[in-house]
């Protein structure tokens, strides 16, 4: 369900989400706050969860090329919005990795919500 690197580095977290996302009920909270020093892994985890929730073929979500998965890969899915120091799309058009979420990103999120 999750990328192998995430399963190896964060087995507890991936097992937690796999249990919550398995079956028909998909028992998840409406939001999760991810914190820690590995920002890239957190971003990948969040995108993996979004992919599983939105994929038209969730059994094949890791390798799927459905419309939802393609939108997520391009960070353009209408139902998924992310802000992160490693979010290279909006509003960080220069693609510069930051160490914190910027004021511009917070303003963008507020405007979009």
PDB file of N, CA and C in Angstrom:
ATOM      1  N   UNK A   1       0.831  -1.191   0.000  1.00  0.00           N
ATOM      2  CA  UNK A   1       0.000   0.000   0.000  1.00  0.00           C
ATOM      3  C   UNK A   1       0.875   1.255   0.000  1.00  0.00           C
ATOM      4  N   UNK A   2       1.931   1.244   0.815  1.00  0.00           N
ATOM      5  CA  UNK A   2       2.839   2.388   0.888  1.00  0.00           C
ATOM      6  C   UNK A   2       4.169   2.044   0.242  1.00  0.00           C
ATOM      7  N   UNK A   3       4.912   3.076  -0.132  1.00  0.00           N
ATOM      8  CA  UNK A   3       6.210   2.867  -0.736  1.00  0.00           C
ATOM      9  C   UNK A   3       7.128   2.114   0.233  1.00  0.00           C
ATOM     10  N   UNK A   4       7.975   1.264  -0.306  1.00  0.00           N
ATOM     11  CA  UNK A   4       8.841   0.405   0.500  1.00  0.00           C
ATOM     12  C   UNK A   4       9.718   1.205   1.451  1.00  0.00           C
ATOM     13  N   UNK A   5      10.241   2.316   0.996  1.00  0.00           N
ATOM     14  CA  UNK A   5      11.125   3.126   1.844  1.00  0.00           C
ATOM     15  C   UNK A   5      10.390   3.631   3.083  1.00  0.00           C
ATOM     16  N   UNK A   6       9.123   3.996   2.922  1.00  0.00           N
ATOM     17  CA  UNK A   6       8.337   4.445   4.078  1.00  0.00           C
ATOM     18  C   UNK A   6       8.092   3.289   5.038  1.00  0.00           C
ATOM     19  N   UNK A   7       7.799   2.109   4.509  1.00  0.00           N
ATOM     20  CA  UNK A   7       7.561   0.939   5.364  1.00  0.00           C
ATOM     21  C   UNK A   7       8.805   0.579   6.163  1.00  0.00           C
ATOM     22  N   UNK A   8       9.974   0.734   5.557  1.00  0.00           N
ATOM     23  CA  UNK A   8      11.220   0.400   6.242  1.00  0.00           C
ATOM     24  C   UNK A   8      11.580   1.437   7.298  1.00  0.00           C
ATOM     25  N   UNK A   9      11.431   2.722   6.966  1.00  0.00           N
ATOM     26  CA  UNK A   9      11.821   3.788   7.894  1.00  0.00           C
ATOM     27  C   UNK A   9      10.788   4.042   8.988  1.00  0.00           C
ATOM     28  N   UNK A  10       9.506   3.861   8.647  1.00  0.00           N
ATOM     29  CA  UNK A  10       8.428   4.208   9.579  1.00  0.00           C
ATOM     30  C   UNK A  10       7.375   3.101   9.633  1.00  0.00           C
ATOM     31  N   UNK A  11       7.751   1.916  10.149  1.00  0.00           N
ATOM     32  CA  UNK A  11       6.812   0.794  10.143  1.00  0.00           C
ATOM     33  C   UNK A  11       5.554   1.045  10.973  1.00  0.00           C
ATOM     34  N   UNK A  12       5.686   1.727  12.121  1.00  0.00           N
ATOM     35  CA  UNK A  12       4.513   1.979  12.957  1.00  0.00           C
ATOM     36  C   UNK A  12       3.498   2.862  12.238  1.00  0.00           C
ATOM     37  N   UNK A  13       3.973   3.936  11.629  1.00  0.00           N
ATOM     38  CA  UNK A  13       3.085   4.886  10.960  1.00  0.00           C
ATOM     39  C   UNK A  13       2.402   4.239   9.761  1.00  0.00           C
ATOM     40  N   UNK A  14       3.171   3.507   8.958  1.00  0.00           N
ATOM     41  CA  UNK A  14       2.569   2.876   7.777  1.00  0.00           C
ATOM     42  C   UNK A  14       1.573   1.793   8.178  1.00  0.00           C
ATOM     43  N   UNK A  15       1.874   1.031   9.230  1.00  0.00           N
ATOM     44  CA  UNK A  15       0.897   0.017   9.709  1.00  0.00           C
ATOM     45  C   UNK A  15      -0.373   0.689  10.209  1.00  0.00           C
ATOM     46  N   UNK A  16      -0.223   1.822  10.908  1.00  0.00           N
ATOM     47  CA  UNK A  16      -1.388   2.564  11.403  1.00  0.00           C
ATOM     48  C   UNK A  16      -2.301   2.971  10.250  1.00  0.00           C
ATOM     49  N   UNK A  17      -1.717   3.588   9.216  1.00  0.00           N
ATOM     50  CA  UNK A  17      -2.521   4.037   8.085  1.00  0.00           C
ATOM     51  C   UNK A  17      -3.053   2.868   7.261  1.00  0.00           C
ATOM     52  N   UNK A  18      -2.278   1.803   7.119  1.00  0.00           N
ATOM     53  CA  UNK A  18      -2.764   0.627   6.385  1.00  0.00           C
ATOM     54  C   UNK A  18      -3.981   0.030   7.074  1.00  0.00           C
ATOM     55  N   UNK A  19      -3.953  -0.052   8.399  1.00  0.00           N
ATOM     56  CA  UNK A  19      -5.097  -0.583   9.138  1.00  0.00           C
ATOM     57  C   UNK A  19      -6.311   0.336   8.980  1.00  0.00           C
ATOM     58  N   UNK A  20      -6.082   1.645   9.040  1.00  0.00           N
ATOM     59  CA  UNK A  20      -7.180   2.604   8.921  1.00  0.00           C
ATOM     60  C   UNK A  20      -7.765   2.640   7.516  1.00  0.00           C
ATOM     61  N   UNK A  21      -6.935   2.357   6.507  1.00  0.00           N
ATOM     62  CA  UNK A  21      -7.383   2.453   5.118  1.00  0.00           C
ATOM     63  C   UNK A  21      -7.862   1.120   4.543  1.00  0.00           C
ATOM     64  N   UNK A  22      -7.696   0.046   5.287  1.00  0.00           N
ATOM     65  CA  UNK A  22      -8.113  -1.256   4.761  1.00  0.00           C
ATOM     66  C   UNK A  22      -9.609  -1.453   4.954  1.00  0.00           C
ATOM     67  N   UNK A  23     -10.177  -2.289   4.124  1.00  0.00           N
ATOM     68  CA  UNK A  23     -11.600  -2.577   4.209  1.00  0.00           C
ATOM     69  C   UNK A  23     -12.442  -1.484   3.596  1.00  0.00           C
ATOM     70  N   UNK A  24     -13.749  -1.611   3.759  1.00  0.00           N
ATOM     71  CA  UNK A  24     -14.677  -0.657   3.159  1.00  0.00           C
ATOM     72  C   UNK A  24     -14.879   0.591   4.007  1.00  0.00           C
ATOM     73  N   UNK A  25     -14.627   0.489   5.318  1.00  0.00           N
ATOM     74  CA  UNK A  25     -14.965   1.600   6.205  1.00  0.00           C
ATOM     75  C   UNK A  25     -13.992   2.770   6.120  1.00  0.00           C
ATOM     76  N   UNK A  26     -12.717   2.523   5.896  1.00  0.00           N
ATOM     77  CA  UNK A  26     -11.700   3.572   5.829  1.00  0.00           C
ATOM     78  C   UNK A  26     -11.860   4.574   6.974  1.00  0.00           C
ATOM     79  N   UNK A  27     -11.549   4.117   8.183  1.00  0.00           N
ATOM     80  CA  UNK A  27     -11.724   4.922   9.387  1.00  0.00           C
ATOM     81  C   UNK A  27     -10.539   5.854   9.596  1.00  0.00           C
ATOM     82  N   UNK A  28     -10.675   7.068   9.101  1.00  0.00           N
ATOM     83  CA  UNK A  28      -9.639   8.083   9.254  1.00  0.00           C
ATOM     84  C   UNK A  28     -10.221   9.342   9.866  1.00  0.00           C
ATOM     85  N   UNK A  29      -9.388  10.048  10.609  1.00  0.00           N
ATOM     86  CA  UNK A  29      -9.795  11.362  11.104  1.00  0.00           C
ATOM     87  C   UNK A  29      -9.841  12.328   9.921  1.00  0.00           C
ATOM     88  N   UNK A  30     -10.468  13.467  10.115  1.00  0.00           N
ATOM     89  CA  UNK A  30     -10.582  14.435   9.019  1.00  0.00           C
ATOM     90  C   UNK A  30      -9.266  15.140   8.731  1.00  0.00           C
ATOM     91  N   UNK A  31      -8.311  15.083   9.666  1.00  0.00           N
ATOM     92  CA  UNK A  31      -7.029  15.749   9.448  1.00  0.00           C
ATOM     93  C   UNK A  31      -5.949  15.084  10.296  1.00  0.00           C
ATOM     94  N   UNK A  32      -4.723  15.166   9.813  1.00  0.00           N
ATOM     95  CA  UNK A  32      -3.557  14.688  10.545  1.00  0.00           C
ATOM     96  C   UNK A  32      -2.478  15.754  10.450  1.00  0.00           C
ATOM     97  N   UNK A  33      -1.776  15.968  11.539  1.00  0.00           N
ATOM     98  CA  UNK A  33      -0.645  16.885  11.556  1.00  0.00           C
ATOM     99  C   UNK A  33       0.606  16.026  11.675  1.00  0.00           C
ATOM    100  N   UNK A  34       1.447  16.071  10.666  1.00  0.00           N
ATOM    101  CA  UNK A  34       2.681  15.307  10.664  1.00  0.00           C
ATOM    102  C   UNK A  34       3.814  16.217  11.102  1.00  0.00           C
ATOM    103  N   UNK A  35       4.634  15.719  12.005  1.00  0.00           N
ATOM    104  CA  UNK A  35       5.717  16.523  12.553  1.00  0.00           C
ATOM    105  C   UNK A  35       6.977  15.672  12.654  1.00  0.00           C
ATOM    106  N   UNK A  36       8.113  16.313  12.526  1.00  0.00           N
ATOM    107  CA  UNK A  36       9.377  15.594  12.661  1.00  0.00           C
ATOM    108  C   UNK A  36      10.436  16.204  11.774  1.00  0.00           C
ATOM    109  N   UNK A  37      11.596  15.576  11.743  1.00  0.00           N
ATOM    110  CA  UNK A  37      12.712  16.137  10.992  1.00  0.00           C
ATOM    111  C   UNK A  37      12.759  15.670   9.540  1.00  0.00           C
ATOM    112  N   UNK A  38      12.099  14.575   9.204  1.00  0.00           N
ATOM    113  CA  UNK A  38      12.131  14.058   7.836  1.00  0.00           C
ATOM    114  C   UNK A  38      10.929  14.588   7.047  1.00  0.00           C
ATOM    115  N   UNK A  39      11.040  15.816   6.598  1.00  0.00           N
ATOM    116  CA  UNK A  39       9.937  16.510   5.937  1.00  0.00           C
ATOM    117  C   UNK A  39       9.558  15.818   4.631  1.00  0.00           C
ATOM    118  N   UNK A  40      10.529  15.365   3.879  1.00  0.00           N
ATOM    119  CA  UNK A  40      10.245  14.709   2.601  1.00  0.00           C
ATOM    120  C   UNK A  40       9.438  13.431   2.812  1.00  0.00           C
ATOM    121  N   UNK A  41       9.774  12.637   3.827  1.00  0.00           N
ATOM    122  CA  UNK A  41       9.036  11.406   4.106  1.00  0.00           C
ATOM    123  C   UNK A  41       7.598  11.721   4.518  1.00  0.00           C
ATOM    124  N   UNK A  42       7.409  12.782   5.285  1.00  0.00           N
ATOM    125  CA  UNK A  42       6.060  13.180   5.688  1.00  0.00           C
ATOM    126  C   UNK A  42       5.229  13.564   4.469  1.00  0.00           C
ATOM    127  N   UNK A  43       5.846  14.277   3.559  1.00  0.00           N
ATOM    128  CA  UNK A  43       5.153  14.713   2.345  1.00  0.00           C
ATOM    129  C   UNK A  43       4.777  13.505   1.488  1.00  0.00           C
ATOM    130  N   UNK A  44       5.712  12.573   1.333  1.00  0.00           N
ATOM    131  CA  UNK A  44       5.443  11.359   0.562  1.00  0.00           C
ATOM    132  C   UNK A  44       4.336  10.546   1.225  1.00  0.00           C
ATOM    133  N   UNK A  45       4.357  10.428   2.551  1.00  0.00           N
ATOM    134  CA  UNK A  45       3.308   9.711   3.272  1.00  0.00           C
ATOM    135  C   UNK A  45       1.948  10.353   3.032  1.00  0.00           C
ATOM    136  N   UNK A  46       1.885  11.665   3.142  1.00  0.00           N
ATOM    137  CA  UNK A  46       0.614  12.366   2.925  1.00  0.00           C
ATOM    138  C   UNK A  46       0.103  12.149   1.505  1.00  0.00           C
ATOM    139  N   UNK A  47       0.987  12.201   0.522  1.00  0.00           N
ATOM    140  CA  UNK A  47       0.573  11.966  -0.860  1.00  0.00           C
ATOM    141  C   UNK A  47       0.147  10.526  -1.080  1.00  0.00           C
ATOM    142  N   UNK A  48       0.808   9.576  -0.414  1.00  0.00           N
ATOM    143  CA  UNK A  48       0.404   8.170  -0.514  1.00  0.00           C
ATOM    144  C   UNK A  48      -0.996   7.967   0.042  1.00  0.00           C
ATOM    145  N   UNK A  49      -1.293   8.571   1.180  1.00  0.00           N
ATOM    146  CA  UNK A  49      -2.632   8.459   1.766  1.00  0.00           C
ATOM    147  C   UNK A  49      -3.670   9.084   0.829  1.00  0.00           C
ATOM    148  N   UNK A  50      -3.369  10.260   0.293  1.00  0.00           N
ATOM    149  CA  UNK A  50      -4.285  10.914  -0.644  1.00  0.00           C
ATOM    150  C   UNK A  50      -4.505  10.049  -1.878  1.00  0.00           C
ATOM    151  N   UNK A  51      -3.450   9.417  -2.344  1.00  0.00           N
ATOM    152  CA  UNK A  51      -3.554   8.558  -3.524  1.00  0.00           C
ATOM    153  C   UNK A  51      -4.457   7.363  -3.242  1.00  0.00           C
ATOM    154  N   UNK A  52      -4.279   6.731  -2.090  1.00  0.00           N
ATOM    155  CA  UNK A  52      -5.097   5.579  -1.726  1.00  0.00           C
ATOM    156  C   UNK A  52      -6.565   5.981  -1.604  1.00  0.00           C
ATOM    157  N   UNK A  53      -6.826   7.141  -1.032  1.00  0.00           N
ATOM    158  CA  UNK A  53      -8.206   7.598  -0.846  1.00  0.00           C
ATOM    159  C   UNK A  53      -8.879   8.014  -2.150  1.00  0.00           C
ATOM    160  N   UNK A  54      -8.108   8.479  -3.126  1.00  0.00           N
ATOM    161  CA  UNK A  54      -8.684   9.016  -4.358  1.00  0.00           C
ATOM    162  C   UNK A  54      -8.508   8.136  -5.587  1.00  0.00           C
ATOM    163  N   UNK A  55      -7.681   7.119  -5.515  1.00  0.00           N
ATOM    164  CA  UNK A  55      -7.378   6.276  -6.680  1.00  0.00           C
ATOM    165  C   UNK A  55      -8.615   5.502  -7.133  1.00  0.00           C
ATOM    166  N   UNK A  56      -8.770   5.392  -8.434  1.00  0.00           N
ATOM    167  CA  UNK A  56      -9.889   4.640  -9.002  1.00  0.00           C
ATOM    168  C   UNK A  56      -9.654   3.137  -8.915  1.00  0.00           C
ATOM    169  N   UNK A  57      -8.411   2.715  -8.713  1.00  0.00           N
ATOM    170  CA  UNK A  57      -8.056   1.309  -8.511  1.00  0.00           C
ATOM    171  C   UNK A  57      -7.142   1.208  -7.297  1.00  0.00           C
ATOM    172  N   UNK A  58      -7.690   1.345  -6.068  1.00  0.00           N
ATOM    173  CA  UNK A  58      -6.842   1.428  -4.879  1.00  0.00           C
ATOM    174  C   UNK A  58      -5.933   0.221  -4.668  1.00  0.00           C
ATOM    175  N   UNK A  59      -6.281  -0.934  -5.229  1.00  0.00           N
ATOM    176  CA  UNK A  59      -5.415  -2.103  -5.096  1.00  0.00           C
ATOM    177  C   UNK A  59      -4.095  -1.898  -5.819  1.00  0.00           C
ATOM    178  N   UNK A  60      -4.103  -1.059  -6.844  1.00  0.00           N
ATOM    179  CA  UNK A  60      -2.914  -0.814  -7.657  1.00  0.00           C
ATOM    180  C   UNK A  60      -2.416   0.624  -7.495  1.00  0.00           C
ATOM    181  N   UNK A  61      -2.754   1.270  -6.399  1.00  0.00           N
ATOM    182  CA  UNK A  61      -2.483   2.701  -6.221  1.00  0.00           C
ATOM    183  C   UNK A  61      -1.012   3.066  -6.407  1.00  0.00           C
ATOM    184  N   UNK A  62      -0.103   2.180  -6.024  1.00  0.00           N
ATOM    185  CA  UNK A  62       1.323   2.523  -6.119  1.00  0.00           C
ATOM    186  C   UNK A  62       1.764   2.710  -7.572  1.00  0.00           C
ATOM    187  N   UNK A  63       1.169   1.963  -8.503  1.00  0.00           N
ATOM    188  CA  UNK A  63       1.585   2.025  -9.900  1.00  0.00           C
ATOM    189  C   UNK A  63       0.475   2.517 -10.822  1.00  0.00           C
ATOM    190  N   UNK A  64      -0.583   3.033 -10.265  1.00  0.00           N
ATOM    191  CA  UNK A  64      -1.754   3.419 -11.048  1.00  0.00           C
ATOM    192  C   UNK A  64      -1.495   4.689 -11.862  1.00  0.00           C
ATOM    193  N   UNK A  65      -2.156   4.769 -13.005  1.00  0.00           N
ATOM    194  CA  UNK A  65      -2.080   5.962 -13.843  1.00  0.00           C
ATOM    195  C   UNK A  65      -3.471   6.491 -14.163  1.00  0.00           C
ATOM    196  N   UNK A  66      -4.414   6.304 -13.215  1.00  0.00           N
ATOM    197  CA  UNK A  66      -5.756   6.838 -13.418  1.00  0.00           C
ATOM    198  C   UNK A  66      -5.700   8.367 -13.323  1.00  0.00           C
ATOM    199  N   UNK A  67      -6.780   9.018 -13.651  1.00  0.00           N
ATOM    200  CA  UNK A  67      -6.830  10.479 -13.647  1.00  0.00           C
ATOM    201  C   UNK A  67      -6.473  11.049 -12.274  1.00  0.00           C
ATOM    202  N   UNK A  68      -7.040  10.481 -11.217  1.00  0.00           N
ATOM    203  CA  UNK A  68      -6.757  10.975  -9.867  1.00  0.00           C
ATOM    204  C   UNK A  68      -5.283  10.851  -9.517  1.00  0.00           C
ATOM    205  N   UNK A  69      -4.687   9.711  -9.842  1.00  0.00           N
ATOM    206  CA  UNK A  69      -3.273   9.499  -9.525  1.00  0.00           C
ATOM    207  C   UNK A  69      -2.376  10.433 -10.331  1.00  0.00           C
ATOM    208  N   UNK A  70      -2.746  10.683 -11.569  1.00  0.00           N
ATOM    209  CA  UNK A  70      -1.962  11.606 -12.397  1.00  0.00           C
ATOM    210  C   UNK A  70      -2.063  13.030 -11.840  1.00  0.00           C
ATOM    211  N   UNK A  71      -3.270  13.429 -11.431  1.00  0.00           N
ATOM    212  CA  UNK A  71      -3.433  14.756 -10.831  1.00  0.00           C
ATOM    213  C   UNK A  71      -2.588  14.890  -9.569  1.00  0.00           C
ATOM    214  N   UNK A  72      -2.600  13.835  -8.730  1.00  0.00           N
ATOM    215  CA  UNK A  72      -1.806  13.866  -7.500  1.00  0.00           C
ATOM    216  C   UNK A  72      -0.319  13.952  -7.809  1.00  0.00           C
ATOM    217  N   UNK A  73       0.139  13.224  -8.804  1.00  0.00           N
ATOM    218  CA  UNK A  73       1.549  13.258  -9.174  1.00  0.00           C
ATOM    219  C   UNK A  73       1.969  14.654  -9.627  1.00  0.00           C
ATOM    220  N   UNK A  74       1.020  15.391 -10.202  1.00  0.00           N
ATOM    221  CA  UNK A  74       1.296  16.755 -10.675  1.00  0.00           C
ATOM    222  C   UNK A  74       0.931  17.810  -9.633  1.00  0.00           C
ATOM    223  N   UNK A  75       0.484  17.371  -8.452  1.00  0.00           N
ATOM    224  CA  UNK A  75       0.029  18.261  -7.375  1.00  0.00           C
ATOM    225  C   UNK A  75      -1.089  19.181  -7.864  1.00  0.00           C
ATOM    226  N   UNK A  76      -2.028  18.608  -8.616  1.00  0.00           N
ATOM    227  CA  UNK A  76      -3.122  19.390  -9.190  1.00  0.00           C
ATOM    228  C   UNK A  76      -4.496  18.774  -8.918  1.00  0.00           C
ATOM    229  N   UNK A  77      -4.583  17.866  -7.950  1.00  0.00           N
ATOM    230  CA  UNK A  77      -5.866  17.220  -7.665  1.00  0.00           C
ATOM    231  C   UNK A  77      -6.801  18.236  -7.001  1.00  0.00           C
ATOM    232  N   UNK A  78      -8.030  18.386  -7.515  1.00  0.00           N
ATOM    233  CA  UNK A  78      -8.930  19.398  -6.961  1.00  0.00           C
ATOM    234  C   UNK A  78      -9.374  19.131  -5.522  1.00  0.00           C
ATOM    235  N   UNK A  79      -9.273  17.884  -5.049  1.00  0.00           N
ATOM    236  CA  UNK A  79      -9.717  17.554  -3.695  1.00  0.00           C
ATOM    237  C   UNK A  79      -8.562  17.433  -2.703  1.00  0.00           C
ATOM    238  N   UNK A  80      -7.335  17.648  -3.158  1.00  0.00           N
ATOM    239  CA  UNK A  80      -6.164  17.481  -2.291  1.00  0.00           C
ATOM    240  C   UNK A  80      -5.327  18.754  -2.333  1.00  0.00           C
ATOM    241  N   UNK A  81      -5.139  19.350  -1.162  1.00  0.00           N
ATOM    242  CA  UNK A  81      -4.338  20.564  -1.074  1.00  0.00           C
ATOM    243  C   UNK A  81      -3.245  20.334  -0.030  1.00  0.00           C
ATOM    244  N   UNK A  82      -2.023  20.634  -0.401  1.00  0.00           N
ATOM    245  CA  UNK A  82      -0.912  20.464   0.534  1.00  0.00           C
ATOM    246  C   UNK A  82      -0.125  21.761   0.646  1.00  0.00           C
ATOM    247  N   UNK A  83       0.423  21.963   1.817  1.00  0.00           N
ATOM    248  CA  UNK A  83       1.469  22.968   1.977  1.00  0.00           C
ATOM    249  C   UNK A  83       2.557  22.299   2.796  1.00  0.00           C
ATOM    250  N   UNK A  84       3.765  22.530   2.414  1.00  0.00           N
ATOM    251  CA  UNK A  84       4.906  21.892   3.048  1.00  0.00           C
ATOM    252  C   UNK A  84       6.159  22.659   2.633  1.00  0.00           C
ATOM    253  N   UNK A  85       7.213  22.579   3.425  1.00  0.00           N
ATOM    254  CA  UNK A  85       8.466  23.200   2.984  1.00  0.00           C
ATOM    255  C   UNK A  85       8.982  22.606   1.673  1.00  0.00           C
ATOM    256  N   UNK A  86       8.568  21.382   1.332  1.00  0.00           N
ATOM    257  CA  UNK A  86       9.025  20.753   0.091  1.00  0.00           C
ATOM    258  C   UNK A  86       7.963  20.768  -0.996  1.00  0.00           C
ATOM    259  N   UNK A  87       6.907  21.543  -0.805  1.00  0.00           N
ATOM    260  CA  UNK A  87       5.856  21.669  -1.811  1.00  0.00           C
ATOM    261  C   UNK A  87       6.344  22.624  -2.885  1.00  0.00           C
ATOM    262  N   UNK A  88       6.655  22.101  -4.057  1.00  0.00           N
ATOM    263  CA  UNK A  88       7.302  22.891  -5.097  1.00  0.00           C
ATOM    264  C   UNK A  88       6.336  23.531  -6.080  1.00  0.00           C
ATOM    265  N   UNK A  89       5.053  23.402  -5.908  1.00  0.00           N
ATOM    266  CA  UNK A  89       4.129  23.912  -6.908  1.00  0.00           C
ATOM    267  C   UNK A  89       3.580  25.277  -6.506  1.00  0.00           C
ATOM    268  N   UNK A  90       2.603  25.317  -5.613  1.00  0.00           N
ATOM    269  CA  UNK A  90       1.976  26.579  -5.225  1.00  0.00           C
ATOM    270  C   UNK A  90       2.264  26.847  -3.774  1.00  0.00           C
ATOM    271  N   UNK A  91       2.567  28.015  -3.383  1.00  0.00           N
ATOM    272  CA  UNK A  91       2.948  29.185  -4.153  1.00  0.00           C
ATOM    273  C   UNK A  91       4.462  29.339  -4.197  1.00  0.00           C
ATOM    274  N   UNK A  92       5.148  28.284  -4.538  1.00  0.00           N
ATOM    275  CA  UNK A  92       6.609  28.278  -4.578  1.00  0.00           C
ATOM    276  C   UNK A  92       7.066  27.979  -6.002  1.00  0.00           C
ATOM    277  N   UNK A  93       6.792  28.883  -6.945  1.00  0.00           N
ATOM    278  CA  UNK A  93       7.070  28.606  -8.351  1.00  0.00           C
ATOM    279  C   UNK A  93       8.544  28.416  -8.688  1.00  0.00           C
ATOM    280  N   UNK A  94       9.441  28.926  -7.847  1.00  0.00           N
ATOM    281  CA  UNK A  94      10.874  28.761  -8.126  1.00  0.00           C
ATOM    282  C   UNK A  94      11.357  27.365  -7.759  1.00  0.00           C
ATOM    283  N   UNK A  95      10.523  26.593  -7.031  1.00  0.00           N
ATOM    284  CA  UNK A  95      10.895  25.238  -6.671  1.00  0.00           C
ATOM    285  C   UNK A  95      12.004  25.154  -5.647  1.00  0.00           C
ATOM    286  N   UNK A  96      12.093  26.159  -4.793  1.00  0.00           N
ATOM    287  CA  UNK A  96      13.152  26.187  -3.788  1.00  0.00           C
ATOM    288  C   UNK A  96      12.670  25.492  -2.515  1.00  0.00           C
ATOM    289  N   UNK A  97      13.425  24.515  -2.038  1.00  0.00           N
ATOM    290  CA  UNK A  97      13.089  23.846  -0.791  1.00  0.00           C
ATOM    291  C   UNK A  97      13.336  24.808   0.364  1.00  0.00           C
ATOM    292  N   UNK A  98      12.424  24.874   1.279  1.00  0.00           N
ATOM    293  CA  UNK A  98      12.540  25.736   2.460  1.00  0.00           C
ATOM    294  C   UNK A  98      12.688  24.860   3.696  1.00  0.00           C
ATOM    295  N   UNK A  99      12.923  25.468   4.829  1.00  0.00           N
ATOM    296  CA  UNK A  99      12.993  24.722   6.084  1.00  0.00           C
ATOM    297  C   UNK A  99      11.726  24.894   6.902  1.00  0.00           C
ATOM    298  N   UNK A 100      10.879  25.829   6.498  1.00  0.00           N
ATOM    299  CA  UNK A 100       9.623  26.085   7.200  1.00  0.00           C
ATOM    300  C   UNK A 100       8.530  26.354   6.174  1.00  0.00           C
ATOM    301  N   UNK A 101       7.300  26.283   6.627  1.00  0.00           N
ATOM    302  CA  UNK A 101       6.180  26.687   5.780  1.00  0.00           C
ATOM    303  C   UNK A 101       6.187  28.209   5.761  1.00  0.00           C
ATOM    304  N   UNK A 102       6.151  28.786   4.579  1.00  0.00           N
ATOM    305  CA  UNK A 102       6.281  30.233   4.452  1.00  0.00           C
ATOM    306  C   UNK A 102       4.954  30.948   4.683  1.00  0.00           C
ATOM    307  N   UNK A 103       5.050  32.240   4.927  1.00  0.00           N
ATOM    308  CA  UNK A 103       3.864  33.081   5.085  1.00  0.00           C
ATOM    309  C   UNK A 103       3.040  33.044   3.801  1.00  0.00           C
ATOM    310  N   UNK A 104       3.724  33.058   2.650  1.00  0.00           N
ATOM    311  CA  UNK A 104       3.010  33.014   1.368  1.00  0.00           C
ATOM    312  C   UNK A 104       2.203  31.731   1.224  1.00  0.00           C
ATOM    313  N   UNK A 105       2.770  30.596   1.671  1.00  0.00           N
ATOM    314  CA  UNK A 105       2.043  29.333   1.611  1.00  0.00           C
ATOM    315  C   UNK A 105       0.810  29.376   2.515  1.00  0.00           C
ATOM    316  N   UNK A 106       0.946  29.942   3.707  1.00  0.00           N
ATOM    317  CA  UNK A 106      -0.186  30.058   4.627  1.00  0.00           C
ATOM    318  C   UNK A 106      -1.276  30.952   4.043  1.00  0.00           C
ATOM    319  N   UNK A 107      -0.875  32.053   3.434  1.00  0.00           N
ATOM    320  CA  UNK A 107      -1.852  32.943   2.786  1.00  0.00           C
ATOM    321  C   UNK A 107      -2.559  32.234   1.638  1.00  0.00           C
ATOM    322  N   UNK A 108      -1.803  31.477   0.858  1.00  0.00           N
ATOM    323  CA  UNK A 108      -2.380  30.711  -0.251  1.00  0.00           C
ATOM    324  C   UNK A 108      -3.427  29.725   0.268  1.00  0.00           C
ATOM    325  N   UNK A 109      -3.083  28.988   1.332  1.00  0.00           N
ATOM    326  CA  UNK A 109      -4.003  28.013   1.916  1.00  0.00           C
ATOM    327  C   UNK A 109      -5.263  28.696   2.428  1.00  0.00           C
ATOM    328  N   UNK A 110      -5.092  29.793   3.125  1.00  0.00           N
ATOM    329  CA  UNK A 110      -6.247  30.537   3.665  1.00  0.00           C
ATOM    330  C   UNK A 110      -7.156  31.012   2.533  1.00  0.00           C
ATOM    331  N   UNK A 111      -6.563  31.539   1.478  1.00  0.00           N
ATOM    332  CA  UNK A 111      -7.338  32.016   0.334  1.00  0.00           C
ATOM    333  C   UNK A 111      -8.103  30.871  -0.339  1.00  0.00           C
ATOM    334  N   UNK A 112      -7.433  29.738  -0.508  1.00  0.00           N
ATOM    335  CA  UNK A 112      -8.046  28.596  -1.178  1.00  0.00           C
ATOM    336  C   UNK A 112      -9.167  27.962  -0.349  1.00  0.00           C
ATOM    337  N   UNK A 113      -9.000  27.956   0.973  1.00  0.00           N
ATOM    338  CA  UNK A 113     -10.036  27.367   1.827  1.00  0.00           C
ATOM    339  C   UNK A 113     -11.225  28.289   1.950  1.00  0.00           C
TER     340      UNK A 113
END
